[in-house]
Each structure stands twice: as C-alpha cells, then as structure tokens.
Amino acid sequence: MTEEHLEYRNFADFASAKVADLVPGSDQTANRLSVALNRVSHLLTYDFDATVHRPEESTWAAYRVLFVIWLAGPLTPVRAAELTGMGKSAISNLLKPLLKQGYVIQEASAEDRRSKLLALTPEGTEYVNKVFPRQNELEARWAESLTSIEKDLLISLLNKLLNSPRAEEVREQRR
C-alpha cells in the first residue's frame, strides 16, 4: 500500500507493514490489533458524544458516570471510577457539572459518615431514562454489521483482554 492511498480505515494495515520494515522482530499483529481497537474506540466515543450527548449539553464521559450510578445504585466516587474505568480525578472533574445540573447528589454513607456516596436525583434518573434509548439505538447501529455469532465472539474476546494479567496490572496502577 502506498502512502497516497492511506485512509483512516486502512492505516492499521499500513502501520503494521511499515513497522515490520522499521523494527524487525516486532509483533505486527499486536500493533495492528491495538491500532484498530484504539481507532474503533475513538470513533465510538466521538459518535456517542456528537450524536447523543452534546445535543443534550452533556458528554459521553458524564453519561458513563450517570449510567453506572443508575444501574448500581449509590456509589462512592472510588467505586464509580472502578466501574466506569475512569480515574478518580476524572470522576472528581465530572462530578462538578453533574452536581450543578442537579443530576447527582452527594450524601454521607450510612456505614462511614466520612465517606460520600453519589446518587442520582430524580432529574438524573429522568435524564438517563431519556438518553439511554438513543444511546442504545446508536450502539445497535454500530453492532448491526456483525452477525449474532460475531457479536458474541467479539464480546468474549474483548472480555478476555479485559481479564488478562496486563489489564489487571494496569487497573492496579490506576488505584
């Protein structure tokens, strides 16, 4: 493939071939996989933000926090960070606008009065109930190019990566 035929979609293949020339012995398949996963992740994030969340004057990141609280109930900021895959500082930064919008409240934990729990307000619940169907419709549009078997296989493979020793090491570093 020549550089004049490069596009966003085929860059992972081009990079793999180029890396093989520049760094003999490197793992081109691992490089291709990580470039492809990263690109799909960025496109998903952009699409979710642009199509669903920015029109609601919110963000994909804020929605992720609201979504885990909606499903898991009141959580400490640390637990919200773990379940969203975000850092504690990201949760802290997202919390300010969520509190200001009236979507989340902080309340003292019954077990440890020093610890704060994040809970959805009725407005936060209403927001998630309104936005989730649009979010899920967009998720379905992304997934529609795969068969049911391919979707299940991809989920299984991604979960295998999420449960790998390296993923656990990285999660530990983030704590």
N, C-alpha and C. Protein backbone atom coordinates (compact mmCIF):
# COMPACT_ATOMS: atom_id res chain seq x y z
N MET A 1 0.85 -1.18 0.00
CA MET A 1 0.00 0.00 0.00
C MET A 1 0.90 1.24 0.00
N THR A 2 0.56 2.18 -0.83
CA THR A 2 1.36 3.40 -0.91
C THR A 2 0.74 4.47 -0.02
N GLU A 3 1.57 5.43 0.32
CA GLU A 3 1.12 6.47 1.24
C GLU A 3 -0.01 7.32 0.66
N GLU A 4 -0.07 7.45 -0.67
CA GLU A 4 -1.15 8.27 -1.25
C GLU A 4 -2.52 7.58 -1.16
N HIS A 5 -2.54 6.28 -0.89
CA HIS A 5 -3.80 5.55 -0.73
C HIS A 5 -4.19 5.38 0.75
N LEU A 6 -3.46 6.05 1.61
CA LEU A 6 -3.75 5.93 3.05
C LEU A 6 -5.07 6.59 3.40
N GLU A 7 -5.84 5.90 4.20
CA GLU A 7 -7.08 6.43 4.77
C GLU A 7 -7.12 6.01 6.23
N TYR A 8 -8.02 6.62 6.94
CA TYR A 8 -8.19 6.29 8.35
C TYR A 8 -8.46 4.80 8.52
N ARG A 9 -9.31 4.24 7.63
CA ARG A 9 -9.71 2.84 7.75
C ARG A 9 -8.57 1.86 7.51
N ASN A 10 -7.63 2.18 6.65
CA ASN A 10 -6.58 1.21 6.32
C ASN A 10 -5.24 1.52 6.97
N PHE A 11 -5.20 2.53 7.83
CA PHE A 11 -3.92 2.91 8.42
C PHE A 11 -3.32 1.80 9.29
N ALA A 12 -4.15 1.03 9.99
CA ALA A 12 -3.63 -0.04 10.85
C ALA A 12 -2.85 -1.06 10.03
N ASP A 13 -3.37 -1.43 8.85
CA ASP A 13 -2.66 -2.37 7.98
C ASP A 13 -1.36 -1.75 7.47
N PHE A 14 -1.43 -0.48 7.06
CA PHE A 14 -0.24 0.22 6.59
C PHE A 14 0.82 0.29 7.70
N ALA A 15 0.38 0.66 8.90
CA ALA A 15 1.31 0.79 10.02
C ALA A 15 1.98 -0.53 10.33
N SER A 16 1.22 -1.61 10.29
CA SER A 16 1.77 -2.93 10.56
C SER A 16 2.88 -3.28 9.57
N ALA A 17 2.63 -3.05 8.30
CA ALA A 17 3.63 -3.35 7.27
C ALA A 17 4.86 -2.45 7.44
N LYS A 18 4.64 -1.19 7.73
CA LYS A 18 5.74 -0.23 7.91
C LYS A 18 6.57 -0.58 9.14
N VAL A 19 5.90 -0.94 10.25
CA VAL A 19 6.59 -1.33 11.48
C VAL A 19 7.46 -2.56 11.21
N ALA A 20 6.96 -3.50 10.43
CA ALA A 20 7.73 -4.71 10.11
C ALA A 20 9.04 -4.35 9.42
N ASP A 21 9.01 -3.34 8.56
CA ASP A 21 10.23 -2.88 7.88
C ASP A 21 11.15 -2.11 8.82
N LEU A 22 10.57 -1.25 9.66
CA LEU A 22 11.37 -0.38 10.51
C LEU A 22 11.91 -1.07 11.76
N VAL A 23 11.15 -2.03 12.29
CA VAL A 23 11.54 -2.70 13.53
C VAL A 23 11.41 -4.22 13.34
N PRO A 24 12.42 -4.83 12.72
CA PRO A 24 12.34 -6.28 12.51
C PRO A 24 12.17 -7.01 13.85
N GLY A 25 11.33 -8.02 13.84
CA GLY A 25 11.09 -8.80 15.05
C GLY A 25 9.98 -8.27 15.92
N SER A 26 9.42 -7.10 15.56
CA SER A 26 8.31 -6.57 16.36
C SER A 26 7.04 -7.37 16.07
N ASP A 27 6.10 -7.29 16.97
CA ASP A 27 4.85 -8.03 16.84
C ASP A 27 3.84 -7.16 16.08
N GLN A 28 3.82 -7.34 14.76
CA GLN A 28 2.94 -6.52 13.93
C GLN A 28 1.46 -6.80 14.19
N THR A 29 1.14 -8.05 14.50
CA THR A 29 -0.27 -8.39 14.77
C THR A 29 -0.75 -7.66 16.02
N ALA A 30 0.06 -7.65 17.06
CA ALA A 30 -0.32 -6.93 18.29
C ALA A 30 -0.46 -5.44 18.00
N ASN A 31 0.44 -4.90 17.19
CA ASN A 31 0.36 -3.49 16.83
C ASN A 31 -0.91 -3.21 16.03
N ARG A 32 -1.21 -4.04 15.07
CA ARG A 32 -2.41 -3.87 14.25
C ARG A 32 -3.68 -3.95 15.12
N LEU A 33 -3.69 -4.89 16.03
CA LEU A 33 -4.83 -5.05 16.94
C LEU A 33 -5.02 -3.80 17.80
N SER A 34 -3.95 -3.32 18.39
CA SER A 34 -4.08 -2.16 19.29
C SER A 34 -4.46 -0.90 18.51
N VAL A 35 -3.90 -0.72 17.31
CA VAL A 35 -4.28 0.44 16.50
C VAL A 35 -5.75 0.35 16.12
N ALA A 36 -6.21 -0.83 15.69
CA ALA A 36 -7.61 -0.99 15.28
C ALA A 36 -8.56 -0.78 16.46
N LEU A 37 -8.25 -1.38 17.61
CA LEU A 37 -9.10 -1.20 18.79
C LEU A 37 -9.18 0.26 19.20
N ASN A 38 -8.03 0.93 19.19
CA ASN A 38 -7.98 2.34 19.57
C ASN A 38 -8.81 3.19 18.61
N ARG A 39 -8.70 2.90 17.32
CA ARG A 39 -9.45 3.69 16.33
C ARG A 39 -10.95 3.48 16.46
N VAL A 40 -11.39 2.25 16.64
CA VAL A 40 -12.81 1.99 16.81
C VAL A 40 -13.31 2.67 18.09
N SER A 41 -12.54 2.56 19.16
CA SER A 41 -12.93 3.19 20.42
C SER A 41 -13.09 4.71 20.26
N HIS A 42 -12.16 5.33 19.56
CA HIS A 42 -12.25 6.79 19.36
C HIS A 42 -13.45 7.16 18.49
N LEU A 43 -13.72 6.37 17.45
CA LEU A 43 -14.89 6.65 16.62
C LEU A 43 -16.19 6.48 17.40
N LEU A 44 -16.27 5.42 18.20
CA LEU A 44 -17.46 5.22 19.05
C LEU A 44 -17.66 6.40 19.98
N THR A 45 -16.61 6.78 20.67
CA THR A 45 -16.68 7.88 21.62
C THR A 45 -17.12 9.17 20.93
N TYR A 46 -16.51 9.45 19.77
CA TYR A 46 -16.87 10.66 19.03
C TYR A 46 -18.35 10.61 18.64
N ASP A 47 -18.79 9.46 18.09
CA ASP A 47 -20.17 9.33 17.65
C ASP A 47 -21.14 9.47 18.81
N PHE A 48 -20.86 8.80 19.93
CA PHE A 48 -21.74 8.90 21.10
C PHE A 48 -21.83 10.35 21.57
N ASP A 49 -20.68 11.01 21.67
CA ASP A 49 -20.67 12.40 22.11
C ASP A 49 -21.44 13.30 21.14
N ALA A 50 -21.09 13.23 19.85
CA ALA A 50 -21.66 14.14 18.86
C ALA A 50 -23.14 13.89 18.60
N THR A 51 -23.53 12.63 18.57
CA THR A 51 -24.90 12.29 18.18
C THR A 51 -25.88 12.32 19.36
N VAL A 52 -25.45 11.88 20.51
CA VAL A 52 -26.38 11.73 21.64
C VAL A 52 -26.14 12.76 22.74
N HIS A 53 -24.92 12.90 23.20
CA HIS A 53 -24.68 13.62 24.45
C HIS A 53 -24.47 15.12 24.30
N ARG A 54 -23.72 15.58 23.31
CA ARG A 54 -23.55 17.02 23.15
C ARG A 54 -24.86 17.74 22.85
N PRO A 55 -25.76 17.14 22.03
CA PRO A 55 -27.05 17.81 21.84
C PRO A 55 -27.84 17.98 23.15
N GLU A 56 -27.54 17.16 24.14
CA GLU A 56 -28.17 17.26 25.46
C GLU A 56 -27.34 18.11 26.42
N GLU A 57 -26.31 18.78 25.88
CA GLU A 57 -25.39 19.60 26.67
C GLU A 57 -24.71 18.79 27.75
N SER A 58 -24.29 17.58 27.36
CA SER A 58 -23.58 16.69 28.26
C SER A 58 -22.43 16.04 27.48
N THR A 59 -21.86 15.01 28.06
CA THR A 59 -20.75 14.30 27.40
C THR A 59 -20.91 12.81 27.61
N TRP A 60 -20.23 12.05 26.76
CA TRP A 60 -20.19 10.59 26.91
C TRP A 60 -19.61 10.23 28.27
N ALA A 61 -18.57 10.93 28.70
CA ALA A 61 -17.94 10.63 29.99
C ALA A 61 -18.93 10.84 31.14
N ALA A 62 -19.67 11.94 31.11
CA ALA A 62 -20.65 12.20 32.16
C ALA A 62 -21.74 11.12 32.15
N TYR A 63 -22.17 10.74 30.96
CA TYR A 63 -23.19 9.70 30.84
C TYR A 63 -22.71 8.39 31.45
N ARG A 64 -21.46 8.04 31.23
CA ARG A 64 -20.91 6.80 31.79
C ARG A 64 -21.04 6.79 33.31
N VAL A 65 -20.77 7.92 33.95
CA VAL A 65 -20.90 8.02 35.41
C VAL A 65 -22.36 7.87 35.81
N LEU A 66 -23.24 8.60 35.14
CA LEU A 66 -24.67 8.51 35.45
C LEU A 66 -25.19 7.09 35.22
N PHE A 67 -24.72 6.44 34.17
CA PHE A 67 -25.16 5.09 33.81
C PHE A 67 -24.81 4.09 34.91
N VAL A 68 -23.57 4.14 35.44
CA VAL A 68 -23.21 3.17 36.48
C VAL A 68 -23.97 3.45 37.78
N ILE A 69 -24.21 4.70 38.09
CA ILE A 69 -24.99 5.01 39.30
C ILE A 69 -26.44 4.56 39.09
N TRP A 70 -26.97 4.77 37.90
CA TRP A 70 -28.33 4.36 37.56
C TRP A 70 -28.51 2.86 37.77
N LEU A 71 -27.52 2.08 37.34
CA LEU A 71 -27.62 0.63 37.42
C LEU A 71 -27.19 0.06 38.77
N ALA A 72 -26.12 0.60 39.36
CA ALA A 72 -25.55 0.01 40.57
C ALA A 72 -26.02 0.68 41.85
N GLY A 73 -26.72 1.79 41.73
CA GLY A 73 -27.19 2.48 42.92
C GLY A 73 -26.14 3.42 43.48
N PRO A 74 -26.37 4.01 44.63
CA PRO A 74 -25.40 4.93 45.20
C PRO A 74 -24.01 4.29 45.33
N LEU A 75 -23.00 5.05 44.91
CA LEU A 75 -21.62 4.56 44.89
C LEU A 75 -20.68 5.62 45.43
N THR A 76 -19.58 5.17 46.00
CA THR A 76 -18.51 6.11 46.33
C THR A 76 -17.86 6.56 45.03
N PRO A 77 -17.22 7.71 45.02
CA PRO A 77 -16.50 8.13 43.82
C PRO A 77 -15.44 7.10 43.39
N VAL A 78 -14.79 6.47 44.35
CA VAL A 78 -13.78 5.45 44.01
C VAL A 78 -14.43 4.28 43.28
N ARG A 79 -15.58 3.85 43.78
CA ARG A 79 -16.28 2.72 43.13
C ARG A 79 -16.80 3.13 41.76
N ALA A 80 -17.28 4.35 41.62
CA ALA A 80 -17.72 4.85 40.32
C ALA A 80 -16.55 4.87 39.33
N ALA A 81 -15.38 5.25 39.81
CA ALA A 81 -14.18 5.24 38.95
C ALA A 81 -13.87 3.83 38.49
N GLU A 82 -13.91 2.87 39.41
CA GLU A 82 -13.63 1.47 39.06
C GLU A 82 -14.61 0.95 38.02
N LEU A 83 -15.90 1.21 38.22
CA LEU A 83 -16.92 0.65 37.32
C LEU A 83 -16.95 1.32 35.96
N THR A 84 -16.56 2.59 35.89
CA THR A 84 -16.51 3.27 34.59
C THR A 84 -15.19 3.07 33.87
N GLY A 85 -14.17 2.64 34.63
CA GLY A 85 -12.84 2.52 34.03
C GLY A 85 -12.12 3.85 33.97
N MET A 86 -12.63 4.83 34.69
CA MET A 86 -12.01 6.16 34.72
C MET A 86 -11.12 6.29 35.95
N GLY A 87 -10.31 7.32 35.93
CA GLY A 87 -9.51 7.63 37.10
C GLY A 87 -10.34 8.42 38.12
N LYS A 88 -9.86 8.42 39.37
CA LYS A 88 -10.57 9.16 40.42
C LYS A 88 -10.64 10.65 40.12
N SER A 89 -9.58 11.18 39.51
CA SER A 89 -9.59 12.62 39.19
C SER A 89 -10.61 12.93 38.09
N ALA A 90 -10.80 12.01 37.16
CA ALA A 90 -11.80 12.22 36.11
C ALA A 90 -13.20 12.26 36.72
N ILE A 91 -13.46 11.36 37.67
CA ILE A 91 -14.76 11.35 38.35
C ILE A 91 -14.95 12.66 39.10
N SER A 92 -13.91 13.11 39.78
CA SER A 92 -13.98 14.36 40.53
C SER A 92 -14.30 15.53 39.60
N ASN A 93 -13.64 15.59 38.46
CA ASN A 93 -13.89 16.67 37.50
C ASN A 93 -15.29 16.60 36.90
N LEU A 94 -15.78 15.39 36.65
CA LEU A 94 -17.12 15.23 36.09
C LEU A 94 -18.20 15.52 37.11
N LEU A 95 -17.89 15.32 38.36
CA LEU A 95 -18.87 15.48 39.42
C LEU A 95 -19.36 16.93 39.54
N LYS A 96 -18.47 17.88 39.35
CA LYS A 96 -18.86 19.29 39.50
C LYS A 96 -20.03 19.66 38.58
N PRO A 97 -19.93 19.41 37.26
CA PRO A 97 -21.09 19.75 36.42
C PRO A 97 -22.32 18.89 36.70
N LEU A 98 -22.12 17.64 37.07
CA LEU A 98 -23.27 16.77 37.36
C LEU A 98 -24.03 17.26 38.60
N LEU A 99 -23.30 17.75 39.59
CA LEU A 99 -23.93 18.34 40.77
C LEU A 99 -24.66 19.63 40.40
N LYS A 100 -23.98 20.45 39.58
CA LYS A 100 -24.56 21.74 39.17
C LYS A 100 -25.83 21.54 38.34
N GLN A 101 -25.82 20.51 37.48
CA GLN A 101 -27.00 20.22 36.65
C GLN A 101 -28.13 19.60 37.47
N GLY A 102 -27.81 19.20 38.69
CA GLY A 102 -28.82 18.59 39.55
C GLY A 102 -29.09 17.13 39.22
N TYR A 103 -28.15 16.46 38.54
CA TYR A 103 -28.33 15.05 38.17
C TYR A 103 -27.83 14.10 39.27
N VAL A 104 -26.92 14.60 40.10
CA VAL A 104 -26.31 13.76 41.13
C VAL A 104 -26.27 14.55 42.44
N ILE A 105 -26.41 13.82 43.52
CA ILE A 105 -26.18 14.41 44.84
C ILE A 105 -25.12 13.59 45.54
N GLN A 106 -24.46 14.22 46.50
CA GLN A 106 -23.52 13.51 47.36
C GLN A 106 -24.17 13.41 48.73
N GLU A 107 -24.19 12.19 49.26
CA GLU A 107 -24.75 12.00 50.59
C GLU A 107 -23.78 11.19 51.44
N ALA A 108 -23.86 11.38 52.73
CA ALA A 108 -22.98 10.64 53.64
C ALA A 108 -23.36 9.17 53.63
N SER A 109 -22.35 8.32 53.68
CA SER A 109 -22.56 6.88 53.73
C SER A 109 -23.09 6.49 55.11
N ALA A 110 -24.03 5.56 55.14
CA ALA A 110 -24.57 5.09 56.42
C ALA A 110 -23.52 4.33 57.21
N GLU A 111 -22.62 3.61 56.50
CA GLU A 111 -21.57 2.83 57.16
C GLU A 111 -20.41 3.69 57.68
N ASP A 112 -20.07 4.72 56.90
CA ASP A 112 -18.92 5.56 57.25
C ASP A 112 -19.30 7.00 56.93
N ARG A 113 -19.65 7.75 57.93
CA ARG A 113 -20.13 9.13 57.73
C ARG A 113 -19.11 10.02 57.03
N ARG A 114 -17.83 9.64 57.07
CA ARG A 114 -16.81 10.44 56.38
C ARG A 114 -16.83 10.20 54.88
N SER A 115 -17.34 9.04 54.48
CA SER A 115 -17.37 8.66 53.08
C SER A 115 -18.63 9.21 52.40
N LYS A 116 -18.47 9.70 51.19
CA LYS A 116 -19.60 10.24 50.43
C LYS A 116 -20.06 9.23 49.40
N LEU A 117 -21.36 9.18 49.19
CA LEU A 117 -21.95 8.34 48.15
C LEU A 117 -22.55 9.25 47.08
N LEU A 118 -22.39 8.85 45.84
CA LEU A 118 -23.00 9.55 44.72
C LEU A 118 -24.32 8.86 44.40
N ALA A 119 -25.38 9.62 44.30
CA ALA A 119 -26.70 9.07 43.98
C ALA A 119 -27.36 9.94 42.92
N LEU A 120 -28.17 9.31 42.08
CA LEU A 120 -28.92 10.07 41.09
C LEU A 120 -30.08 10.79 41.77
N THR A 121 -30.33 11.98 41.31
CA THR A 121 -31.53 12.71 41.71
C THR A 121 -32.66 12.25 40.78
N PRO A 122 -33.88 12.64 41.08
CA PRO A 122 -34.97 12.33 40.12
C PRO A 122 -34.67 12.91 38.73
N GLU A 123 -34.05 14.10 38.69
CA GLU A 123 -33.68 14.69 37.40
C GLU A 123 -32.61 13.87 36.69
N GLY A 124 -31.67 13.32 37.45
CA GLY A 124 -30.63 12.47 36.87
C GLY A 124 -31.22 11.18 36.32
N THR A 125 -32.14 10.60 37.06
CA THR A 125 -32.82 9.38 36.59
C THR A 125 -33.62 9.67 35.33
N GLU A 126 -34.32 10.80 35.33
CA GLU A 126 -35.10 11.19 34.16
C GLU A 126 -34.19 11.38 32.94
N TYR A 127 -33.03 12.01 33.17
CA TYR A 127 -32.07 12.22 32.08
C TYR A 127 -31.59 10.89 31.50
N VAL A 128 -31.19 9.96 32.35
CA VAL A 128 -30.70 8.67 31.86
C VAL A 128 -31.82 7.92 31.14
N ASN A 129 -33.02 7.95 31.70
CA ASN A 129 -34.16 7.28 31.07
C ASN A 129 -34.46 7.88 29.69
N LYS A 130 -34.23 9.17 29.53
CA LYS A 130 -34.46 9.84 28.25
C LYS A 130 -33.34 9.53 27.25
N VAL A 131 -32.10 9.53 27.71
CA VAL A 131 -30.95 9.41 26.82
C VAL A 131 -30.61 7.95 26.49
N PHE A 132 -30.84 7.05 27.43
CA PHE A 132 -30.44 5.65 27.19
C PHE A 132 -31.02 5.07 25.90
N PRO A 133 -32.31 5.25 25.58
CA PRO A 133 -32.81 4.66 24.34
C PRO A 133 -32.06 5.16 23.09
N ARG A 134 -31.71 6.44 23.07
CA ARG A 134 -30.95 6.98 21.92
C ARG A 134 -29.53 6.42 21.90
N GLN A 135 -28.92 6.32 23.08
CA GLN A 135 -27.58 5.74 23.19
C GLN A 135 -27.60 4.30 22.70
N ASN A 136 -28.58 3.55 23.17
CA ASN A 136 -28.67 2.14 22.81
C ASN A 136 -28.98 1.93 21.32
N GLU A 137 -29.78 2.81 20.75
CA GLU A 137 -30.06 2.74 19.31
C GLU A 137 -28.77 2.94 18.51
N LEU A 138 -27.95 3.88 18.95
CA LEU A 138 -26.68 4.12 18.26
C LEU A 138 -25.74 2.94 18.45
N GLU A 139 -25.72 2.36 19.63
CA GLU A 139 -24.91 1.16 19.86
C GLU A 139 -25.33 0.04 18.92
N ALA A 140 -26.65 -0.11 18.74
CA ALA A 140 -27.17 -1.15 17.84
C ALA A 140 -26.76 -0.87 16.40
N ARG A 141 -26.75 0.39 16.00
CA ARG A 141 -26.32 0.72 14.64
C ARG A 141 -24.86 0.34 14.42
N TRP A 142 -24.03 0.56 15.43
CA TRP A 142 -22.62 0.17 15.33
C TRP A 142 -22.49 -1.35 15.23
N ALA A 143 -23.32 -2.06 15.95
CA ALA A 143 -23.20 -3.52 16.01
C ALA A 143 -23.89 -4.24 14.85
N GLU A 144 -24.70 -3.53 14.08
CA GLU A 144 -25.50 -4.21 13.06
C GLU A 144 -24.70 -4.83 11.92
N SER A 145 -23.46 -4.42 11.75
CA SER A 145 -22.66 -5.02 10.67
C SER A 145 -22.10 -6.39 11.07
N LEU A 146 -22.30 -6.79 12.31
CA LEU A 146 -21.84 -8.09 12.79
C LEU A 146 -23.02 -9.04 12.94
N THR A 147 -22.78 -10.32 12.71
CA THR A 147 -23.80 -11.33 12.97
C THR A 147 -23.90 -11.54 14.48
N SER A 148 -24.93 -12.23 14.92
CA SER A 148 -25.08 -12.53 16.36
C SER A 148 -23.88 -13.31 16.87
N ILE A 149 -23.41 -14.26 16.09
CA ILE A 149 -22.25 -15.06 16.50
C ILE A 149 -21.01 -14.17 16.58
N GLU A 150 -20.82 -13.29 15.62
CA GLU A 150 -19.66 -12.39 15.64
C GLU A 150 -19.71 -11.45 16.84
N LYS A 151 -20.89 -10.95 17.17
CA LYS A 151 -21.03 -10.07 18.34
C LYS A 151 -20.63 -10.82 19.61
N ASP A 152 -21.16 -12.03 19.77
CA ASP A 152 -20.82 -12.83 20.95
C ASP A 152 -19.33 -13.13 21.01
N LEU A 153 -18.75 -13.46 19.85
CA LEU A 153 -17.32 -13.76 19.80
C LEU A 153 -16.50 -12.52 20.15
N LEU A 154 -16.86 -11.38 19.58
CA LEU A 154 -16.12 -10.15 19.87
C LEU A 154 -16.22 -9.80 21.35
N ILE A 155 -17.39 -9.90 21.92
CA ILE A 155 -17.56 -9.64 23.35
C ILE A 155 -16.67 -10.57 24.16
N SER A 156 -16.67 -11.83 23.80
CA SER A 156 -15.85 -12.81 24.51
C SER A 156 -14.36 -12.48 24.41
N LEU A 157 -13.92 -12.11 23.22
CA LEU A 157 -12.51 -11.78 23.02
C LEU A 157 -12.12 -10.50 23.76
N LEU A 158 -12.99 -9.50 23.72
CA LEU A 158 -12.69 -8.26 24.44
C LEU A 158 -12.66 -8.50 25.95
N ASN A 159 -13.58 -9.34 26.44
CA ASN A 159 -13.56 -9.68 27.87
C ASN A 159 -12.28 -10.44 28.22
N LYS A 160 -11.80 -11.25 27.31
CA LYS A 160 -10.54 -11.96 27.55
C LYS A 160 -9.39 -10.96 27.71
N LEU A 161 -9.38 -9.93 26.87
CA LEU A 161 -8.36 -8.88 27.02
C LEU A 161 -8.55 -8.13 28.33
N LEU A 162 -9.81 -7.81 28.69
CA LEU A 162 -10.08 -7.09 29.94
C LEU A 162 -9.68 -7.87 31.18
N ASN A 163 -9.67 -9.19 31.08
CA ASN A 163 -9.32 -10.04 32.21
C ASN A 163 -7.89 -10.57 32.14
N SER A 164 -7.11 -10.05 31.22
CA SER A 164 -5.73 -10.52 31.07
C SER A 164 -4.86 -10.03 32.23
N PRO A 165 -3.74 -10.69 32.46
CA PRO A 165 -2.83 -10.23 33.51
C PRO A 165 -2.39 -8.77 33.31
N ARG A 166 -2.15 -8.36 32.06
CA ARG A 166 -1.72 -6.98 31.82
C ARG A 166 -2.83 -6.00 32.19
N ALA A 167 -4.07 -6.33 31.85
CA ALA A 167 -5.19 -5.45 32.21
C ALA A 167 -5.30 -5.30 33.72
N GLU A 168 -5.10 -6.39 34.44
CA GLU A 168 -5.14 -6.33 35.90
C GLU A 168 -4.02 -5.46 36.45
N GLU A 169 -2.83 -5.57 35.87
CA GLU A 169 -1.70 -4.72 36.30
C GLU A 169 -2.04 -3.25 36.11
N VAL A 170 -2.63 -2.92 34.97
CA VAL A 170 -2.97 -1.53 34.68
C VAL A 170 -4.06 -1.03 35.62
N ARG A 171 -5.06 -1.86 35.88
CA ARG A 171 -6.10 -1.48 36.85
C ARG A 171 -5.51 -1.20 38.22
N GLU A 172 -4.57 -2.04 38.63
CA GLU A 172 -3.90 -1.83 39.94
C GLU A 172 -3.13 -0.52 39.96
N GLN A 173 -2.48 -0.16 38.87
CA GLN A 173 -1.72 1.09 38.79
C GLN A 173 -2.64 2.29 38.94
N ARG A 174 -3.87 2.17 38.46
CA ARG A 174 -4.82 3.29 38.48
C ARG A 174 -5.42 3.52 39.83
N ARG A 175 -5.32 2.55 40.73
CA ARG A 175 -5.96 2.69 42.06
C ARG A 175 -5.20 3.60 42.95
